[in-house]
Amino acid sequence: MMNKKNLFVLCLTLLIAGTVSAQTFKYIGADKCKVCHNKPAKGEQYNKWAKDPHSQALKSLANQKSIDYAKKNGIADATKDPKCLKCHSTYDAVAANLRGGILATEGVSCESCHGPGSAYKSPAIMKNQALALKNGLILPDEKVCKTCHNPENPFHKDFKFAEYAAKVAHPDPTRAKK
């Protein structure tokens, strides 16, 4: 027989377990982001990303400069080395159980900067920024960028956040500026 105290503890445990499991957001991949974020009226964010070096970050590990660096530093293959992939591939930077629909070929995709989209991808949630943030959306700031753009990167240059943020800006013209 369950008394009120035991029932309360059981309910609290189930609530906490549900909340914890709901916080395990999965990566959905740039193709899913593209569905809504590639329309001219909304700003064509996907096309802007596709033209940006971030989308080619994985491929850059196979260029001559990277091959020379790898050879000089005892890295057999930069395109397979975890130290390189953690910044050049969103897919390789996240745990396998969170990969969902993200592809290994995406390079630094939308979700590297904006967080895994599984829980905020629906238009109903995306229309409410507070709700989207609660469901895993990240508004990238300097700290997010410096996860990779830092002195640990062997090709690091002085990182001027405002300057670089302007270069990769992809605003939605339908959203009111605050």
C-alpha atoms as a PDB file:
ATOM      1  CA  MET A   1       0.000   0.000   0.000  1.00  0.00           C
ATOM      2  CA  MET A   2       1.380   3.377  -0.974  1.00  0.00           C
ATOM      3  CA  ASN A   3       1.093   6.287   1.410  1.00  0.00           C
ATOM      4  CA  LYS A   4       1.034   9.952   0.344  1.00  0.00           C
ATOM      5  CA  LYS A   5       4.744  10.438   1.001  1.00  0.00           C
ATOM      6  CA  ASN A   6       5.732   7.455  -1.168  1.00  0.00           C
ATOM      7  CA  LEU A   7       3.326   8.564  -3.889  1.00  0.00           C
ATOM      8  CA  PHE A   8       4.848  12.052  -3.823  1.00  0.00           C
ATOM      9  CA  VAL A   9       8.390  10.635  -4.092  1.00  0.00           C
ATOM     10  CA  LEU A  10       7.334   8.387  -6.986  1.00  0.00           C
ATOM     11  CA  CYS A  11       5.704  11.290  -8.855  1.00  0.00           C
ATOM     12  CA  LEU A  12       8.712  13.518  -8.237  1.00  0.00           C
ATOM     13  CA  THR A  13      11.066  10.798  -9.492  1.00  0.00           C
ATOM     14  CA  LEU A  14       9.026  10.315 -12.676  1.00  0.00           C
ATOM     15  CA  LEU A  15       8.909  14.064 -13.264  1.00  0.00           C
ATOM     16  CA  ILE A  16      12.670  14.411 -12.848  1.00  0.00           C
ATOM     17  CA  ALA A  17      13.348  11.391 -15.067  1.00  0.00           C
ATOM     18  CA  GLY A  18      11.085  12.826 -17.759  1.00  0.00           C
ATOM     19  CA  THR A  19      12.793  16.193 -17.573  1.00  0.00           C
ATOM     20  CA  VAL A  20      16.275  14.691 -17.724  1.00  0.00           C
ATOM     21  CA  SER A  21      15.471  12.518 -20.723  1.00  0.00           C
ATOM     22  CA  ALA A  22      13.797  15.472 -22.467  1.00  0.00           C
ATOM     23  CA  GLN A  23      17.035  17.427 -22.137  1.00  0.00           C
ATOM     24  CA  THR A  24      18.915  14.982 -24.374  1.00  0.00           C
ATOM     25  CA  PHE A  25      18.494  16.905 -27.603  1.00  0.00           C
ATOM     26  CA  LYS A  26      19.574  15.255 -30.858  1.00  0.00           C
ATOM     27  CA  TYR A  27      21.200  16.724 -33.911  1.00  0.00           C
ATOM     28  CA  ILE A  28      18.916  16.720 -36.941  1.00  0.00           C
ATOM     29  CA  GLY A  29      21.282  17.912 -39.680  1.00  0.00           C
ATOM     30  CA  ALA A  30      21.456  20.863 -42.030  1.00  0.00           C
ATOM     31  CA  ASP A  31      19.009  19.307 -44.508  1.00  0.00           C
ATOM     32  CA  LYS A  32      16.260  19.525 -41.876  1.00  0.00           C
ATOM     33  CA  CYS A  33      17.192  23.148 -41.096  1.00  0.00           C
ATOM     34  CA  LYS A  34      17.137  23.886 -44.831  1.00  0.00           C
ATOM     35  CA  VAL A  35      13.411  23.112 -45.063  1.00  0.00           C
ATOM     36  CA  CYS A  36      12.526  26.394 -43.350  1.00  0.00           C
ATOM     37  CA  HIS A  37      15.780  28.337 -43.520  1.00  0.00           C
ATOM     38  CA  ASN A  38      16.253  28.453 -47.265  1.00  0.00           C
ATOM     39  CA  LYS A  39      13.380  30.638 -48.355  1.00  0.00           C
ATOM     40  CA  PRO A  40      14.229  34.079 -49.788  1.00  0.00           C
ATOM     41  CA  ALA A  41      11.570  35.778 -47.675  1.00  0.00           C
ATOM     42  CA  LYS A  42      13.100  34.290 -44.507  1.00  0.00           C
ATOM     43  CA  GLY A  43      16.719  35.181 -45.380  1.00  0.00           C
ATOM     44  CA  GLU A  44      18.098  32.037 -47.054  1.00  0.00           C
ATOM     45  CA  GLN A  45      20.256  31.125 -44.060  1.00  0.00           C
ATOM     46  CA  TYR A  46      21.019  27.678 -45.464  1.00  0.00           C
ATOM     47  CA  ASN A  47      22.407  29.101 -48.725  1.00  0.00           C
ATOM     48  CA  LYS A  48      24.538  31.562 -46.760  1.00  0.00           C
ATOM     49  CA  TRP A  49      25.940  28.709 -44.672  1.00  0.00           C
ATOM     50  CA  ALA A  50      26.570  26.589 -47.794  1.00  0.00           C
ATOM     51  CA  LYS A  51      28.773  29.395 -49.201  1.00  0.00           C
ATOM     52  CA  ASP A  52      30.557  29.961 -45.877  1.00  0.00           C
ATOM     53  CA  PRO A  53      33.871  28.280 -44.979  1.00  0.00           C
ATOM     54  CA  HIS A  54      32.143  26.554 -42.040  1.00  0.00           C
ATOM     55  CA  SER A  55      30.262  24.297 -44.454  1.00  0.00           C
ATOM     56  CA  GLN A  56      33.604  23.321 -46.016  1.00  0.00           C
ATOM     57  CA  ALA A  57      35.495  22.899 -42.744  1.00  0.00           C
ATOM     58  CA  LEU A  58      35.703  19.115 -43.043  1.00  0.00           C
ATOM     59  CA  LYS A  59      36.989  19.340 -46.614  1.00  0.00           C
ATOM     60  CA  SER A  60      39.642  21.840 -45.516  1.00  0.00           C
ATOM     61  CA  LEU A  61      41.342  19.063 -43.550  1.00  0.00           C
ATOM     62  CA  ALA A  62      42.301  17.493 -46.885  1.00  0.00           C
ATOM     63  CA  ASN A  63      43.931  20.611 -48.352  1.00  0.00           C
ATOM     64  CA  GLN A  64      47.697  20.771 -48.757  1.00  0.00           C
ATOM     65  CA  LYS A  65      48.214  23.105 -45.801  1.00  0.00           C
ATOM     66  CA  SER A  66      46.432  20.644 -43.501  1.00  0.00           C
ATOM     67  CA  ILE A  67      48.227  17.638 -44.979  1.00  0.00           C
ATOM     68  CA  ASP A  68      51.597  19.339 -44.440  1.00  0.00           C
ATOM     69  CA  TYR A  69      50.679  20.281 -40.865  1.00  0.00           C
ATOM     70  CA  ALA A  70      49.497  16.730 -40.135  1.00  0.00           C
ATOM     71  CA  LYS A  71      52.642  15.148 -41.541  1.00  0.00           C
ATOM     72  CA  LYS A  72      54.875  17.552 -39.598  1.00  0.00           C
ATOM     73  CA  ASN A  73      52.989  16.835 -36.357  1.00  0.00           C
ATOM     74  CA  GLY A  74      52.637  13.060 -36.538  1.00  0.00           C
ATOM     75  CA  ILE A  75      48.964  13.019 -37.522  1.00  0.00           C
ATOM     76  CA  ALA A  76      48.338  10.157 -39.942  1.00  0.00           C
ATOM     77  CA  ASP A  77      45.164  11.625 -41.449  1.00  0.00           C
ATOM     78  CA  ALA A  78      43.682  14.951 -40.337  1.00  0.00           C
ATOM     79  CA  THR A  79      40.325  13.964 -41.855  1.00  0.00           C
ATOM     80  CA  LYS A  80      40.086  11.157 -39.293  1.00  0.00           C
ATOM     81  CA  ASP A  81      41.901  12.623 -36.294  1.00  0.00           C
ATOM     82  CA  PRO A  82      39.595  13.434 -33.333  1.00  0.00           C
ATOM     83  CA  LYS A  83      41.673  16.500 -32.388  1.00  0.00           C
ATOM     84  CA  CYS A  84      40.946  17.981 -35.818  1.00  0.00           C
ATOM     85  CA  LEU A  85      37.407  16.701 -36.235  1.00  0.00           C
ATOM     86  CA  LYS A  86      36.162  18.213 -32.973  1.00  0.00           C
ATOM     87  CA  CYS A  87      36.186  21.620 -34.680  1.00  0.00           C
ATOM     88  CA  HIS A  88      35.832  20.691 -38.344  1.00  0.00           C
ATOM     89  CA  SER A  89      32.823  18.385 -38.075  1.00  0.00           C
ATOM     90  CA  THR A  90      29.678  18.829 -36.023  1.00  0.00           C
ATOM     91  CA  TYR A  91      28.946  15.127 -36.565  1.00  0.00           C
ATOM     92  CA  ASP A  92      32.265  14.038 -35.076  1.00  0.00           C
ATOM     93  CA  ALA A  93      32.103  16.568 -32.245  1.00  0.00           C
ATOM     94  CA  VAL A  94      28.991  15.039 -30.670  1.00  0.00           C
ATOM     95  CA  ALA A  95      28.281  11.720 -29.019  1.00  0.00           C
ATOM     96  CA  ALA A  96      27.096   9.006 -31.413  1.00  0.00           C
ATOM     97  CA  ASN A  97      23.784   8.608 -29.564  1.00  0.00           C
ATOM     98  CA  LEU A  98      22.938  12.283 -30.258  1.00  0.00           C
ATOM     99  CA  ARG A  99      23.653  12.265 -34.008  1.00  0.00           C
ATOM    100  CA  GLY A 100      20.083  11.726 -35.139  1.00  0.00           C
ATOM    101  CA  GLY A 101      19.903  12.968 -38.739  1.00  0.00           C
ATOM    102  CA  ILE A 102      23.153  14.890 -38.976  1.00  0.00           C
ATOM    103  CA  LEU A 103      25.510  13.775 -41.726  1.00  0.00           C
ATOM    104  CA  ALA A 104      29.238  13.166 -41.368  1.00  0.00           C
ATOM    105  CA  THR A 105      29.845  15.291 -44.473  1.00  0.00           C
ATOM    106  CA  GLU A 106      28.322  18.537 -43.161  1.00  0.00           C
ATOM    107  CA  GLY A 107      31.414  20.172 -41.774  1.00  0.00           C
ATOM    108  CA  VAL A 108      30.542  22.806 -39.182  1.00  0.00           C
ATOM    109  CA  SER A 109      26.801  22.813 -39.550  1.00  0.00           C
ATOM    110  CA  CYS A 110      23.957  24.923 -38.217  1.00  0.00           C
ATOM    111  CA  GLU A 111      23.780  22.984 -34.975  1.00  0.00           C
ATOM    112  CA  SER A 112      27.419  23.627 -34.011  1.00  0.00           C
ATOM    113  CA  CYS A 113      26.391  27.206 -33.368  1.00  0.00           C
ATOM    114  CA  HIS A 114      22.660  26.921 -32.676  1.00  0.00           C
ATOM    115  CA  GLY A 115      22.473  23.672 -30.713  1.00  0.00           C
ATOM    116  CA  PRO A 116      20.849  20.342 -31.551  1.00  0.00           C
ATOM    117  CA  GLY A 117      17.498  20.986 -33.203  1.00  0.00           C
ATOM    118  CA  SER A 118      15.402  17.938 -32.397  1.00  0.00           C
ATOM    119  CA  ALA A 119      13.251  19.680 -29.807  1.00  0.00           C
ATOM    120  CA  TYR A 120      13.065  23.199 -31.275  1.00  0.00           C
ATOM    121  CA  LYS A 121      12.740  22.454 -35.013  1.00  0.00           C
ATOM    122  CA  SER A 122       8.977  22.782 -35.277  1.00  0.00           C
ATOM    123  CA  PRO A 123       7.661  26.116 -36.559  1.00  0.00           C
ATOM    124  CA  ALA A 124       5.383  26.443 -33.518  1.00  0.00           C
ATOM    125  CA  ILE A 125       8.396  26.355 -31.192  1.00  0.00           C
ATOM    126  CA  MET A 126      10.676  28.413 -33.445  1.00  0.00           C
ATOM    127  CA  LYS A 127       8.144  31.263 -33.464  1.00  0.00           C
ATOM    128  CA  ASN A 128       8.591  31.597 -29.704  1.00  0.00           C
ATOM    129  CA  GLN A 129      12.257  32.321 -28.968  1.00  0.00           C
ATOM    130  CA  ALA A 130      11.935  31.674 -25.226  1.00  0.00           C
ATOM    131  CA  LEU A 131      10.381  28.297 -25.929  1.00  0.00           C
ATOM    132  CA  ALA A 132      13.001  27.498 -28.575  1.00  0.00           C
ATOM    133  CA  LEU A 133      15.778  28.367 -26.105  1.00  0.00           C
ATOM    134  CA  LYS A 134      14.169  26.108 -23.513  1.00  0.00           C
ATOM    135  CA  ASN A 135      14.206  23.334 -26.120  1.00  0.00           C
ATOM    136  CA  GLY A 136      17.886  23.539 -27.000  1.00  0.00           C
ATOM    137  CA  LEU A 137      18.275  26.542 -29.300  1.00  0.00           C
ATOM    138  CA  ILE A 138      21.487  28.431 -28.699  1.00  0.00           C
ATOM    139  CA  LEU A 139      22.008  32.052 -29.678  1.00  0.00           C
ATOM    140  CA  PRO A 140      25.706  31.919 -30.503  1.00  0.00           C
ATOM    141  CA  ASP A 141      27.992  34.316 -28.731  1.00  0.00           C
ATOM    142  CA  GLU A 142      31.738  34.785 -28.531  1.00  0.00           C
ATOM    143  CA  LYS A 143      32.095  31.870 -26.105  1.00  0.00           C
ATOM    144  CA  VAL A 144      30.426  29.487 -28.579  1.00  0.00           C
ATOM    145  CA  CYS A 145      32.739  30.636 -31.385  1.00  0.00           C
ATOM    146  CA  LYS A 146      35.835  30.367 -29.218  1.00  0.00           C
ATOM    147  CA  THR A 147      35.125  26.698 -28.673  1.00  0.00           C
ATOM    148  CA  CYS A 148      37.115  26.305 -31.908  1.00  0.00           C
ATOM    149  CA  HIS A 149      38.446  29.751 -32.754  1.00  0.00           C
ATOM    150  CA  ASN A 150      41.095  29.684 -30.026  1.00  0.00           C
ATOM    151  CA  PRO A 151      44.869  29.281 -29.639  1.00  0.00           C
ATOM    152  CA  GLU A 152      44.493  25.468 -29.490  1.00  0.00           C
ATOM    153  CA  ASN A 153      43.746  25.671 -33.233  1.00  0.00           C
ATOM    154  CA  PRO A 154      47.126  25.396 -35.012  1.00  0.00           C
ATOM    155  CA  PHE A 155      46.013  27.922 -37.649  1.00  0.00           C
ATOM    156  CA  HIS A 156      44.617  30.353 -35.077  1.00  0.00           C
ATOM    157  CA  LYS A 157      44.469  34.025 -35.970  1.00  0.00           C
ATOM    158  CA  ASP A 158      43.446  36.827 -33.675  1.00  0.00           C
ATOM    159  CA  PHE A 159      39.702  36.264 -33.300  1.00  0.00           C
ATOM    160  CA  LYS A 160      37.682  39.456 -33.428  1.00  0.00           C
ATOM    161  CA  PHE A 161      34.191  38.286 -32.575  1.00  0.00           C
ATOM    162  CA  ALA A 162      32.222  41.301 -33.856  1.00  0.00           C
ATOM    163  CA  GLU A 163      34.086  41.303 -37.171  1.00  0.00           C
ATOM    164  CA  TYR A 164      33.695  37.575 -37.781  1.00  0.00           C
ATOM    165  CA  ALA A 165      30.096  37.473 -36.544  1.00  0.00           C
ATOM    166  CA  ALA A 166      29.253  40.115 -39.163  1.00  0.00           C
ATOM    167  CA  LYS A 167      30.833  37.936 -41.871  1.00  0.00           C
ATOM    168  CA  VAL A 168      28.657  34.926 -41.012  1.00  0.00           C
ATOM    169  CA  ALA A 169      25.496  36.851 -40.129  1.00  0.00           C
ATOM    170  CA  HIS A 170      22.331  35.324 -41.537  1.00  0.00           C
ATOM    171  CA  PRO A 171      19.401  37.192 -40.051  1.00  0.00           C
ATOM    172  CA  ASP A 172      15.757  36.391 -40.632  1.00  0.00           C
ATOM    173  CA  PRO A 173      14.228  39.580 -42.091  1.00  0.00           C
ATOM    174  CA  THR A 174      10.785  38.553 -40.845  1.00  0.00           C
ATOM    175  CA  ARG A 175      11.875  38.691 -37.199  1.00  0.00           C
ATOM    176  CA  ALA A 176      11.537  42.043 -35.481  1.00  0.00           C
ATOM    177  CA  LYS A 177      14.819  43.473 -34.235  1.00  0.00           C
ATOM    178  CA  LYS A 178      14.983  43.919 -30.491  1.00  0.00           C
END
